Amino acid sequence: MDMQRWVSGITIAVLFTGLLVSCDNQSKSRDKEDHRPEIGKDYVNPTGMPIVKEPITLRIFAGKSPTSNPDWNEVMLWQEYAQMTQIETKFQMVPFDQLSSRRNLVLADGNYPDAFMTSRFSSADLLRYGQQGILIRLNDLIDEYAPNFKKLLDKYPEIRKGLTMPDGNIYSFPSFYDPDFMSMLIGYPIWAKEEWLDKLGMEPPETTDQFYEYLKAVKETDLNGNGKADEVPFGAAGIGPLINHLKGAWGLGNRGLGHSRVDMDPETNELRFIPADARYKEVLEYIHRLYSEGLIEKDVFTIKSSALYANGATGIYGTMLVPSPFTLMNQKGYVGLPALEGPHGDRLYSHVKTPLIHVGAFVITDRNPYPEATVRWIDYFFGDEGNKMFFMGIEGESYEETADGEFVYTDHILNSKDGRTLEQELSKYVVWLGGSYPGFVSRKYFKGSESLPESLEAAERVRPYVVKEIWPPFTYTQEETERMSILSADIHPYVDEMRARFINGSISFNEWDNYVSTLKQMGLEEYMSIYQSGYERYMQGAE
């Protein structure tokens, strides 16, 4: 047994050494592959195009969603932008499902690129790698070379608050949703099948009781007329989205989805851990009733999105939680429900994202010899013309302007002759598909499912009930981050496990007090103390 371990250890060491040698060789050959001229302080043009006076190359590590182009180096956006700027980009693509491990590996072995894009750096990552000197400080560079982004910082102080780390530095460019783009912020409502509501003689539910009655009627009625009891009252991939929608009917989640476990208790004006609150217990009891009566997809805890979409395409769901029934399932005739009123009179739409959705969407490393040009390069997309280019692509190729000043995708994208989806056609031109990108997202140029008429209508329906104060992510010191990571590793999985067990009935609600007691034993008090520090830092803002 010891010999086997020794041989395994030698094998791993050899493989790791080979990896390091390979990375070292790649690093040594890097300057030979890229055009990296000697530069002085005046190599970058302060305004206008091109950005630099002599061509340069940037190496960028990029996370990729399944819907995005597998090779961004072939995307027309970057080819056109290279001609405008004299900055060529070489993207190293990494699928999102491998992103964390691959990103951490290149950072650990020192063979990291000039910048990371759509690589999902958290606030904790930004502080850690910023203090290590791997990510460069951007404060002064933004002031001098990022006029578009600086305007956003001035207009929306919450961006600066959310990006400024405890050491006073900004290390990233984010993805930021226009706060007025409500259909983007709400993510998606609870969609209800309007045809079935009409057949049942019901109006869209306004309360949790009416929601229950509608789901029950769907289960008990052959609404699709096929003689089978195959209608599913509610469908979703996972139970979390339903909880995040319904908890507002009990007055919980009053600071938005960016802090799904913690909000502000309106009675005490103190931070509240939602999963330990008595009203959260009532939410779970309500959902347990739905589940026990067969009103929720029986496989809700395990079903994958692909299976949910396939089921939805058959038209079996009375209600569901997906971004768009039309774009994902080709289902028309679903209407977004309003915020539901709960048993205590609460009517809060809590399923709303923070506009500062991705804090670490673009970062620049200390390996980058052209930080000024790189800041100008990314800043362009935070301005109007760059924003249009990033989301719409190339005029005449992927979009056109209508007589009334609207921007629309060209016919070959909207109606592919090859049977390709809109996203598949768009992936030749743009890279925002799948999210996590840096930029400013507004309705003017963003034409995803959130811009569909039914999504816009759903957003207006819930707008009066959307939480009034939406918290962006808080920032923590390195010590706080380490302790929070340890505590969260115990508390979060336990909360998720127990909510599933309460809902599916494998544990009685008589065990609620024991559940809360266990949370306290896991260090909930310290967890909330650290949260309080992050909250106070956020309220103080950047000095």
Protein backbone atom coordinates (compact mmCIF):
# COMPACT_ATOMS: atom_id res chain seq x y z
CA MET A 1 0.00 0.00 0.00
CA ASP A 2 2.85 2.39 0.88
CA MET A 3 4.62 1.54 -2.40
CA GLN A 4 1.40 2.36 -4.32
CA ARG A 5 1.15 5.72 -2.60
CA TRP A 6 4.85 6.40 -3.32
CA VAL A 7 4.41 5.57 -7.02
CA SER A 8 1.24 7.70 -7.20
CA GLY A 9 3.09 10.56 -5.56
CA ILE A 10 5.96 10.30 -8.05
CA THR A 11 3.49 10.20 -10.95
CA ILE A 12 1.69 13.34 -9.74
CA ALA A 13 5.00 15.12 -9.19
CA VAL A 14 6.17 14.26 -12.71
CA LEU A 15 2.89 15.43 -14.23
CA PHE A 16 2.94 18.66 -12.22
CA THR A 17 6.60 19.30 -13.15
CA GLY A 18 5.72 18.75 -16.80
CA LEU A 19 2.86 21.21 -16.47
CA LEU A 20 5.13 23.83 -14.96
CA VAL A 21 7.78 23.30 -17.67
CA SER A 22 5.07 23.60 -20.31
CA CYS A 23 3.74 26.79 -18.74
CA ASP A 24 7.28 28.17 -18.46
CA ASN A 25 7.95 27.41 -22.12
CA GLN A 26 4.66 29.09 -23.06
CA SER A 27 5.66 32.12 -21.01
CA LYS A 28 9.11 32.30 -22.67
CA SER A 29 7.60 32.06 -26.15
CA ARG A 30 4.91 34.60 -25.41
CA ASP A 31 6.85 37.67 -26.49
CA LYS A 32 7.91 35.93 -29.70
CA GLU A 33 4.27 35.24 -30.62
CA ASP A 34 2.92 38.69 -29.76
CA HIS A 35 3.92 42.02 -31.18
CA ARG A 36 5.12 43.91 -28.10
CA PRO A 37 7.10 46.97 -29.13
CA GLU A 38 9.11 49.12 -26.78
CA ILE A 39 6.77 51.79 -25.49
CA GLY A 40 7.00 55.14 -23.82
CA LYS A 41 4.47 57.12 -21.88
CA ASP A 42 2.99 58.59 -25.05
CA TYR A 43 2.26 55.26 -26.80
CA VAL A 44 -1.47 55.62 -26.15
CA ASN A 45 -3.70 58.27 -27.69
CA PRO A 46 -5.62 60.04 -24.91
CA THR A 47 -8.87 60.19 -26.94
CA GLY A 48 -10.35 58.95 -30.19
CA MET A 49 -9.33 56.06 -32.39
CA PRO A 50 -7.00 54.29 -32.76
CA ILE A 51 -6.25 53.79 -29.09
CA VAL A 52 -2.52 53.22 -29.61
CA LYS A 53 -0.03 54.72 -32.06
CA GLU A 54 1.53 51.38 -32.94
CA PRO A 55 -0.18 47.95 -33.04
CA ILE A 56 -0.06 45.90 -29.85
CA THR A 57 -1.50 42.57 -28.68
CA LEU A 58 -3.43 41.71 -25.51
CA ARG A 59 -3.72 38.18 -24.15
CA ILE A 60 -7.07 37.68 -22.41
CA PHE A 61 -8.40 34.70 -20.44
CA ALA A 62 -12.18 34.49 -20.99
CA GLY A 63 -14.94 32.37 -19.48
CA LYS A 64 -17.37 30.99 -22.05
CA SER A 65 -21.00 29.95 -21.74
CA PRO A 66 -22.47 27.08 -23.82
CA THR A 67 -24.39 29.61 -25.93
CA SER A 68 -21.39 31.77 -26.77
CA ASN A 69 -18.99 31.31 -29.70
CA PRO A 70 -16.39 28.64 -28.80
CA ASP A 71 -13.57 30.81 -30.20
CA TRP A 72 -13.85 34.53 -29.60
CA ASN A 73 -10.85 35.13 -31.84
CA GLU A 74 -13.19 34.48 -34.79
CA VAL A 75 -16.01 36.76 -33.61
CA MET A 76 -16.60 39.75 -35.86
CA LEU A 77 -16.83 42.15 -32.90
CA TRP A 78 -13.16 41.67 -32.02
CA GLN A 79 -12.01 41.70 -35.63
CA GLU A 80 -13.73 45.02 -36.25
CA TYR A 81 -12.58 46.47 -32.93
CA ALA A 82 -8.95 45.51 -33.65
CA GLN A 83 -9.06 47.56 -36.85
CA MET A 84 -10.49 50.54 -34.97
CA THR A 85 -8.05 50.42 -32.05
CA GLN A 86 -4.83 48.86 -33.43
CA ILE A 87 -5.12 46.43 -30.49
CA GLU A 88 -5.25 42.76 -31.44
CA THR A 89 -6.70 40.37 -28.88
CA LYS A 90 -5.81 36.73 -28.35
CA PHE A 91 -8.46 35.01 -26.26
CA GLN A 92 -7.91 31.84 -24.27
CA MET A 93 -11.39 30.34 -23.95
CA VAL A 94 -12.42 28.32 -20.88
CA PRO A 95 -15.93 26.87 -20.42
CA PHE A 96 -17.81 28.15 -17.38
CA ASP A 97 -17.99 24.67 -15.87
CA GLN A 98 -14.17 24.55 -15.79
CA LEU A 99 -13.64 28.23 -15.08
CA SER A 100 -12.82 28.23 -11.39
CA SER A 101 -10.21 25.47 -11.49
CA ARG A 102 -8.54 26.65 -14.70
CA ARG A 103 -8.45 30.27 -13.57
CA ASN A 104 -6.98 29.36 -10.20
CA LEU A 105 -4.35 27.18 -11.89
CA VAL A 106 -3.01 29.90 -14.17
CA LEU A 107 -2.94 32.35 -11.28
CA ALA A 108 -1.11 29.85 -9.08
CA ASP A 109 1.56 28.87 -11.61
CA GLY A 110 2.28 32.46 -12.62
CA ASN A 111 1.46 32.00 -16.30
CA TYR A 112 -1.48 34.35 -16.25
CA PRO A 113 -2.45 36.68 -19.11
CA ASP A 114 -2.72 40.44 -19.50
CA ALA A 115 -6.39 40.45 -18.46
CA PHE A 116 -9.30 38.26 -17.41
CA MET A 117 -12.74 38.78 -18.93
CA THR A 118 -16.04 37.10 -18.00
CA SER A 119 -14.02 35.12 -15.47
CA ARG A 120 -16.28 35.72 -12.47
CA PHE A 121 -13.90 37.21 -9.93
CA SER A 122 -15.73 37.69 -6.62
CA SER A 123 -15.09 40.56 -4.22
CA ALA A 124 -12.97 38.17 -2.15
CA ASP A 125 -10.95 37.24 -5.26
CA LEU A 126 -10.41 40.88 -6.14
CA LEU A 127 -9.08 41.73 -2.70
CA ARG A 128 -6.87 38.64 -2.47
CA TYR A 129 -5.21 38.96 -5.85
CA GLY A 130 -5.15 42.73 -5.64
CA GLN A 131 -3.22 42.71 -2.38
CA GLN A 132 -0.88 40.11 -3.82
CA GLY A 133 -0.11 42.52 -6.64
CA ILE A 134 -1.44 40.19 -9.36
CA LEU A 135 -4.35 42.50 -10.19
CA ILE A 136 -3.41 46.13 -10.71
CA ARG A 137 -4.96 49.08 -8.93
CA LEU A 138 -7.27 50.97 -11.30
CA ASN A 139 -8.22 54.10 -9.36
CA ASP A 140 -5.89 56.53 -11.15
CA LEU A 141 -6.16 54.77 -14.51
CA ILE A 142 -9.94 55.12 -14.43
CA ASP A 143 -9.64 58.83 -13.66
CA GLU A 144 -7.30 59.39 -16.60
CA TYR A 145 -8.25 56.81 -19.24
CA ALA A 146 -11.86 55.71 -18.59
CA PRO A 147 -14.17 58.73 -19.10
CA ASN A 148 -17.22 56.58 -19.92
CA PHE A 149 -16.89 54.40 -16.84
CA LYS A 150 -16.06 57.41 -14.65
CA LYS A 151 -19.38 59.00 -15.68
CA LEU A 152 -21.17 55.88 -14.46
CA LEU A 153 -19.28 55.98 -11.15
CA ASP A 154 -20.40 59.58 -10.67
CA LYS A 155 -24.00 58.90 -11.71
CA TYR A 156 -24.38 55.69 -9.71
CA PRO A 157 -22.44 55.92 -6.41
CA GLU A 158 -23.38 52.32 -5.60
CA ILE A 159 -20.95 51.14 -8.26
CA ARG A 160 -18.02 52.80 -6.52
CA LYS A 161 -19.22 51.49 -3.18
CA GLY A 162 -19.46 47.95 -4.47
CA LEU A 163 -16.11 47.99 -6.31
CA THR A 164 -13.98 49.69 -3.69
CA MET A 165 -12.23 47.08 -1.58
CA PRO A 166 -11.44 47.56 2.14
CA ASP A 167 -7.92 48.71 1.16
CA GLY A 168 -9.47 51.62 -0.75
CA ASN A 169 -8.62 50.27 -4.20
CA ILE A 170 -10.68 49.38 -7.26
CA TYR A 171 -9.37 46.33 -9.12
CA SER A 172 -12.09 45.62 -11.69
CA PHE A 173 -14.65 46.74 -14.22
CA PRO A 174 -18.12 45.28 -13.54
CA SER A 175 -21.29 44.31 -15.30
CA PHE A 176 -23.90 46.88 -14.32
CA TYR A 177 -27.62 46.83 -15.16
CA ASP A 178 -29.40 50.10 -15.81
CA PRO A 179 -31.58 50.48 -12.67
CA ASP A 180 -34.47 51.57 -14.92
CA PHE A 181 -34.26 48.35 -16.96
CA MET A 182 -36.70 46.62 -14.63
CA SER A 183 -37.28 43.51 -16.74
CA MET A 184 -33.55 42.80 -16.49
CA LEU A 185 -33.46 43.35 -12.73
CA ILE A 186 -36.41 41.12 -11.89
CA GLY A 187 -34.78 38.23 -13.76
CA TYR A 188 -38.09 36.53 -14.47
CA PRO A 189 -41.52 36.46 -12.86
CA ILE A 190 -43.68 33.46 -12.11
CA TRP A 191 -45.12 32.72 -15.55
CA ALA A 192 -48.75 31.50 -15.71
CA LYS A 193 -50.52 30.01 -18.73
CA GLU A 194 -53.09 32.58 -19.74
CA GLU A 195 -55.21 30.11 -21.77
CA TRP A 196 -55.66 27.90 -18.73
CA LEU A 197 -56.53 30.84 -16.51
CA ASP A 198 -59.27 31.74 -19.02
CA LYS A 199 -60.60 28.17 -19.15
CA LEU A 200 -60.80 28.11 -15.36
CA GLY A 201 -62.47 31.53 -15.27
CA MET A 202 -59.69 32.86 -13.07
CA GLU A 203 -57.76 36.09 -13.05
CA PRO A 204 -53.97 35.96 -12.53
CA PRO A 205 -53.44 35.23 -8.81
CA GLU A 206 -52.86 38.23 -6.58
CA THR A 207 -52.39 36.42 -3.25
CA THR A 208 -50.71 33.24 -2.02
CA ASP A 209 -54.16 31.74 -1.38
CA GLN A 210 -55.26 32.46 -4.96
CA PHE A 211 -51.98 31.02 -6.25
CA TYR A 212 -52.70 27.80 -4.36
CA GLU A 213 -56.25 27.65 -5.74
CA TYR A 214 -55.00 28.07 -9.31
CA LEU A 215 -52.37 25.35 -8.94
CA LYS A 216 -54.95 23.01 -7.42
CA ALA A 217 -57.38 23.68 -10.28
CA VAL A 218 -54.67 22.92 -12.85
CA LYS A 219 -54.00 19.57 -11.21
CA GLU A 220 -57.66 18.61 -11.05
CA THR A 221 -58.70 19.73 -14.55
CA ASP A 222 -57.91 18.24 -17.96
CA LEU A 223 -56.99 21.62 -19.37
CA ASN A 224 -55.12 20.31 -22.41
CA GLY A 225 -58.04 18.04 -23.27
CA ASN A 226 -56.05 14.87 -23.89
CA GLY A 227 -57.86 12.77 -21.33
CA LYS A 228 -54.73 12.38 -19.21
CA ALA A 229 -53.83 13.89 -15.86
CA ASP A 230 -50.49 15.10 -17.20
CA GLU A 231 -50.78 18.80 -16.41
CA VAL A 232 -48.08 20.01 -13.99
CA PRO A 233 -49.23 22.99 -11.90
CA PHE A 234 -45.72 24.39 -11.25
CA GLY A 235 -42.31 23.63 -12.73
CA ALA A 236 -38.78 24.87 -12.02
CA ALA A 237 -35.22 23.57 -11.88
CA GLY A 238 -34.61 23.62 -8.13
CA ILE A 239 -36.69 24.93 -5.26
CA GLY A 240 -34.55 28.02 -4.56
CA PRO A 241 -36.13 30.28 -7.19
CA LEU A 242 -39.63 29.62 -5.84
CA ILE A 243 -38.50 30.43 -2.30
CA ASN A 244 -36.89 33.65 -3.48
CA HIS A 245 -40.14 34.63 -5.20
CA LEU A 246 -42.53 33.69 -2.40
CA LYS A 247 -40.60 34.94 0.61
CA GLY A 248 -41.52 38.53 -0.31
CA ALA A 249 -45.14 37.61 0.43
CA TRP A 250 -43.97 37.15 4.02
CA GLY A 251 -41.97 40.42 4.04
CA LEU A 252 -38.59 38.69 3.66
CA GLY A 253 -35.78 39.43 1.22
CA ASN A 254 -36.22 43.19 1.42
CA ARG A 255 -32.73 43.95 0.07
CA GLY A 256 -32.88 41.86 -3.09
CA LEU A 257 -31.28 38.71 -4.49
CA GLY A 258 -27.73 39.94 -4.00
CA HIS A 259 -28.25 39.03 -0.33
CA SER A 260 -30.66 36.12 -0.49
CA ARG A 261 -29.92 34.93 3.07
CA VAL A 262 -29.65 38.26 4.90
CA ASP A 263 -31.85 41.36 4.89
CA MET A 264 -32.93 44.11 7.30
CA ASP A 265 -35.53 43.41 9.99
CA PRO A 266 -37.95 46.37 9.67
CA GLU A 267 -38.95 46.11 13.33
CA THR A 268 -35.45 46.25 14.81
CA ASN A 269 -33.45 47.85 11.95
CA GLU A 270 -30.89 45.10 12.43
CA LEU A 271 -29.53 42.53 10.01
CA ARG A 272 -31.63 39.39 9.89
CA PHE A 273 -30.59 35.86 8.85
CA ILE A 274 -33.63 34.96 6.79
CA PRO A 275 -33.42 31.12 6.96
CA ALA A 276 -33.63 31.27 10.77
CA ASP A 277 -36.62 33.63 10.92
CA ALA A 278 -40.04 32.44 12.06
CA ARG A 279 -41.64 33.80 8.88
CA TYR A 280 -39.22 31.78 6.76
CA LYS A 281 -40.61 28.74 8.50
CA GLU A 282 -44.08 29.80 7.30
CA VAL A 283 -42.76 30.10 3.74
CA LEU A 284 -41.44 26.55 3.89
CA GLU A 285 -44.71 25.31 5.40
CA TYR A 286 -46.62 26.88 2.52
CA ILE A 287 -44.34 25.31 -0.11
CA HIS A 288 -44.49 21.97 1.75
CA ARG A 289 -48.26 22.07 1.34
CA LEU A 290 -47.91 22.64 -2.40
CA TYR A 291 -45.39 19.84 -2.72
CA SER A 292 -47.29 17.33 -0.59
CA GLU A 293 -50.45 17.88 -2.65
CA GLY A 294 -48.63 17.29 -5.94
CA LEU A 295 -48.87 20.91 -7.08
CA ILE A 296 -45.12 21.20 -7.71
CA GLU A 297 -42.99 19.28 -10.22
CA LYS A 298 -42.19 16.05 -8.35
CA ASP A 299 -38.55 16.14 -9.51
CA VAL A 300 -38.10 19.84 -8.68
CA PHE A 301 -35.06 19.15 -6.47
CA THR A 302 -33.14 17.20 -9.12
CA ILE A 303 -34.46 18.09 -12.58
CA LYS A 304 -31.96 19.76 -14.91
CA SER A 305 -32.77 22.85 -16.92
CA SER A 306 -32.55 20.92 -20.20
CA ALA A 307 -35.18 18.43 -19.02
CA LEU A 308 -37.38 21.23 -17.71
CA TYR A 309 -37.22 22.99 -21.09
CA ALA A 310 -38.03 19.77 -22.92
CA ASN A 311 -41.06 19.22 -20.67
CA GLY A 312 -42.13 22.81 -21.07
CA ALA A 313 -42.04 22.55 -24.84
CA THR A 314 -44.95 20.08 -24.58
CA GLY A 315 -47.08 22.75 -22.86
CA ILE A 316 -47.72 20.84 -19.62
CA TYR A 317 -46.89 23.58 -17.08
CA GLY A 318 -49.56 25.79 -15.56
CA THR A 319 -46.89 28.01 -14.00
CA MET A 320 -43.12 27.94 -14.12
CA LEU A 321 -39.96 29.80 -13.30
CA VAL A 322 -37.74 30.25 -16.35
CA PRO A 323 -36.28 33.37 -18.00
CA SER A 324 -38.56 33.07 -21.04
CA PRO A 325 -41.10 30.38 -22.01
CA PHE A 326 -40.89 31.60 -25.61
CA THR A 327 -37.13 31.67 -26.19
CA LEU A 328 -36.42 28.49 -24.21
CA MET A 329 -39.48 26.38 -24.96
CA ASN A 330 -41.17 28.08 -27.92
CA GLN A 331 -44.23 28.55 -25.70
CA LYS A 332 -46.43 31.58 -26.23
CA GLY A 333 -49.30 32.79 -24.10
CA TYR A 334 -47.66 32.94 -20.67
CA VAL A 335 -48.22 36.00 -18.52
CA GLY A 336 -46.05 37.18 -15.65
CA LEU A 337 -47.80 37.18 -12.29
CA PRO A 338 -47.82 40.24 -10.05
CA ALA A 339 -46.16 40.21 -6.63
CA LEU A 340 -48.28 37.99 -4.40
CA GLU A 341 -49.77 39.23 -1.14
CA GLY A 342 -49.12 36.95 1.83
CA PRO A 343 -51.09 36.02 4.95
CA HIS A 344 -49.82 39.00 6.98
CA GLY A 345 -50.56 41.57 4.27
CA ASP A 346 -47.00 41.75 2.94
CA ARG A 347 -46.65 42.26 -0.82
CA LEU A 348 -43.00 42.58 -1.69
CA TYR A 349 -41.30 41.59 -4.94
CA SER A 350 -38.05 40.21 -3.56
CA HIS A 351 -36.79 38.36 -6.65
CA VAL A 352 -34.81 41.36 -7.90
CA LYS A 353 -31.11 41.46 -8.74
CA THR A 354 -28.62 44.08 -7.72
CA PRO A 355 -27.72 46.33 -10.67
CA LEU A 356 -24.05 45.69 -9.81
CA ILE A 357 -24.44 42.11 -10.92
CA HIS A 358 -20.83 41.01 -11.56
CA VAL A 359 -18.15 42.96 -9.68
CA GLY A 360 -15.17 41.24 -11.30
CA ALA A 361 -16.17 41.05 -14.96
CA PHE A 362 -12.85 42.45 -16.26
CA VAL A 363 -9.49 42.73 -14.47
CA ILE A 364 -5.97 43.67 -15.57
CA THR A 365 -2.90 41.85 -14.28
CA ASP A 366 0.61 43.03 -13.44
CA ARG A 367 1.86 41.07 -16.48
CA ASN A 368 0.18 43.60 -18.75
CA PRO A 369 2.70 46.05 -20.32
CA TYR A 370 -0.13 48.23 -21.65
CA PRO A 371 -2.45 49.04 -18.73
CA GLU A 372 -3.37 52.51 -20.04
CA ALA A 373 -4.37 51.16 -23.45
CA THR A 374 -6.23 48.25 -21.86
CA VAL A 375 -8.29 50.60 -19.71
CA ARG A 376 -9.18 52.66 -22.79
CA TRP A 377 -9.95 49.42 -24.66
CA ILE A 378 -12.53 48.23 -22.11
CA ASP A 379 -13.87 51.71 -21.33
CA TYR A 380 -15.17 52.09 -24.88
CA PHE A 381 -17.87 49.53 -24.17
CA PHE A 382 -19.22 51.59 -21.27
CA GLY A 383 -19.99 54.45 -23.67
CA ASP A 384 -22.93 54.68 -26.07
CA GLU A 385 -21.20 53.70 -29.32
CA GLY A 386 -19.21 50.88 -27.74
CA ASN A 387 -22.30 49.66 -25.89
CA LYS A 388 -24.19 49.43 -29.17
CA MET A 389 -21.30 47.57 -30.79
CA PHE A 390 -20.91 45.13 -27.89
CA PHE A 391 -24.57 44.10 -27.77
CA MET A 392 -25.71 44.61 -31.37
CA GLY A 393 -22.56 43.81 -33.32
CA ILE A 394 -21.80 45.38 -36.71
CA GLU A 395 -24.25 47.71 -38.45
CA GLY A 396 -25.44 46.25 -41.73
CA GLU A 397 -24.17 42.82 -40.75
CA SER A 398 -25.98 41.93 -37.52
CA TYR A 399 -28.23 44.93 -36.90
CA GLU A 400 -29.83 47.92 -38.57
CA GLU A 401 -31.48 51.14 -37.43
CA THR A 402 -35.18 51.60 -38.15
CA ALA A 403 -36.85 54.80 -39.33
CA ASP A 404 -37.98 55.58 -35.78
CA GLY A 405 -34.49 55.23 -34.33
CA GLU A 406 -34.80 51.71 -32.93
CA PHE A 407 -31.99 49.18 -33.32
CA VAL A 408 -33.01 45.70 -34.46
CA TYR A 409 -31.21 42.55 -35.50
CA THR A 410 -31.10 41.83 -39.22
CA ASP A 411 -33.50 39.37 -40.79
CA HIS A 412 -30.95 36.58 -41.25
CA ILE A 413 -30.43 36.56 -37.47
CA LEU A 414 -34.09 36.72 -36.56
CA ASN A 415 -35.13 34.22 -39.24
CA SER A 416 -32.22 31.92 -39.95
CA LYS A 417 -32.52 30.04 -43.24
CA ASP A 418 -30.34 27.28 -41.79
CA GLY A 419 -32.67 26.62 -38.87
CA ARG A 420 -30.23 28.12 -36.38
CA THR A 421 -31.49 29.85 -33.26
CA LEU A 422 -31.13 33.57 -32.74
CA GLU A 423 -28.34 32.98 -30.23
CA GLN A 424 -26.48 30.71 -32.64
CA GLU A 425 -26.59 33.33 -35.37
CA LEU A 426 -25.62 36.12 -32.98
CA SER A 427 -22.61 34.22 -31.67
CA LYS A 428 -20.80 34.97 -34.95
CA TYR A 429 -20.91 38.67 -34.14
CA VAL A 430 -21.03 39.26 -30.36
CA VAL A 431 -19.90 37.60 -27.12
CA TRP A 432 -22.42 38.70 -24.47
CA LEU A 433 -24.48 35.51 -24.79
CA GLY A 434 -24.45 33.63 -21.50
CA GLY A 435 -23.62 36.61 -19.28
CA SER A 436 -20.80 37.57 -16.87
CA TYR A 437 -19.50 40.18 -19.34
CA PRO A 438 -18.27 43.68 -18.41
CA GLY A 439 -20.42 46.60 -19.50
CA PHE A 440 -23.50 48.73 -18.97
CA VAL A 441 -26.74 46.91 -19.81
CA SER A 442 -29.62 49.07 -21.00
CA ARG A 443 -32.83 48.38 -22.85
CA LYS A 444 -31.69 50.57 -25.74
CA TYR A 445 -29.19 48.02 -27.02
CA PHE A 446 -29.78 44.81 -25.08
CA LYS A 447 -32.17 42.62 -27.08
CA GLY A 448 -32.26 39.40 -25.03
CA SER A 449 -35.40 37.72 -23.69
CA GLU A 450 -35.76 40.47 -21.06
CA SER A 451 -36.63 42.87 -23.90
CA LEU A 452 -39.57 40.81 -25.18
CA PRO A 453 -43.00 42.48 -24.81
CA GLU A 454 -44.23 39.93 -22.26
CA SER A 455 -41.10 40.47 -20.14
CA LEU A 456 -41.49 44.24 -20.22
CA GLU A 457 -45.16 43.91 -19.27
CA ALA A 458 -44.32 41.55 -16.41
CA ALA A 459 -41.74 44.00 -15.09
CA GLU A 460 -44.23 46.87 -15.05
CA ARG A 461 -46.73 44.65 -13.24
CA VAL A 462 -44.35 44.08 -10.32
CA ARG A 463 -42.58 47.46 -10.36
CA PRO A 464 -44.76 48.99 -7.58
CA TYR A 465 -43.77 46.16 -5.23
CA VAL A 466 -40.04 45.86 -5.95
CA VAL A 467 -37.82 46.25 -2.89
CA LYS A 468 -36.87 49.90 -2.42
CA GLU A 469 -33.24 49.43 -1.38
CA ILE A 470 -31.17 46.87 -3.27
CA TRP A 471 -27.81 46.02 -1.75
CA PRO A 472 -24.82 45.32 -3.99
CA PRO A 473 -22.26 42.74 -2.80
CA PHE A 474 -20.45 43.78 0.39
CA THR A 475 -16.68 43.82 0.67
CA TYR A 476 -14.70 42.15 3.45
CA THR A 477 -11.14 42.26 4.70
CA GLN A 478 -8.91 39.28 3.96
CA GLU A 479 -9.30 38.00 7.52
CA GLU A 480 -13.09 38.42 7.38
CA THR A 481 -13.19 36.67 4.02
CA GLU A 482 -11.30 33.67 5.36
CA ARG A 483 -13.57 33.32 8.39
CA MET A 484 -16.73 33.84 6.33
CA SER A 485 -15.56 31.15 3.91
CA ILE A 486 -15.14 28.65 6.76
CA LEU A 487 -18.47 29.50 8.35
CA SER A 488 -20.37 29.51 5.05
CA ALA A 489 -19.00 26.08 4.16
CA ASP A 490 -21.01 24.69 7.09
CA ILE A 491 -24.01 27.02 7.28
CA HIS A 492 -25.06 27.36 3.63
CA PRO A 493 -25.19 23.63 2.73
CA TYR A 494 -27.02 22.89 5.99
CA VAL A 495 -29.65 25.53 5.23
CA ASP A 496 -30.14 24.16 1.72
CA GLU A 497 -30.37 20.57 2.93
CA MET A 498 -32.86 21.35 5.67
CA ARG A 499 -35.13 23.49 3.49
CA ALA A 500 -35.42 20.56 1.07
CA ARG A 501 -36.17 18.13 3.92
CA PHE A 502 -38.79 20.41 5.46
CA ILE A 503 -40.48 20.83 2.07
CA ASN A 504 -40.44 17.18 1.01
CA GLY A 505 -41.59 16.07 4.46
CA SER A 506 -38.60 13.93 5.37
CA ILE A 507 -38.29 15.98 8.54
CA SER A 508 -41.09 17.45 10.65
CA PHE A 509 -41.47 21.15 11.29
CA ASN A 510 -41.44 20.16 14.97
CA GLU A 511 -37.65 20.04 14.46
CA TRP A 512 -37.49 23.74 13.59
CA ASP A 513 -36.06 24.83 16.95
CA ASN A 514 -33.36 22.15 16.71
CA TYR A 515 -32.54 23.39 13.21
CA VAL A 516 -32.10 26.97 14.44
CA SER A 517 -30.07 25.76 17.42
CA THR A 518 -27.74 23.87 15.07
CA LEU A 519 -27.21 27.01 13.00
CA LYS A 520 -26.12 28.84 16.14
CA GLN A 521 -23.73 26.03 17.02
CA MET A 522 -22.24 26.33 13.53
CA GLY A 523 -21.25 29.92 14.27
CA LEU A 524 -24.22 31.94 13.04
CA GLU A 525 -23.46 34.75 15.50
CA GLU A 526 -19.94 35.21 14.14
CA TYR A 527 -21.27 34.91 10.58
CA MET A 528 -23.69 37.78 11.22
CA SER A 529 -21.00 39.83 12.98
CA ILE A 530 -18.83 39.66 9.87
CA TYR A 531 -21.85 40.51 7.75
CA GLN A 532 -22.41 43.54 9.96
CA SER A 533 -18.86 44.71 9.26
CA GLY A 534 -19.44 44.43 5.53
CA TYR A 535 -22.73 46.29 5.84
CA GLU A 536 -21.18 49.12 7.84
CA ARG A 537 -18.35 49.39 5.30
CA TYR A 538 -20.94 49.61 2.52
CA MET A 539 -22.93 52.29 4.33
CA GLN A 540 -19.81 54.37 4.93
CA GLY A 541 -18.89 54.14 1.26
CA ALA A 542 -15.48 54.76 -0.22
CA GLU A 543 -13.55 57.47 1.57
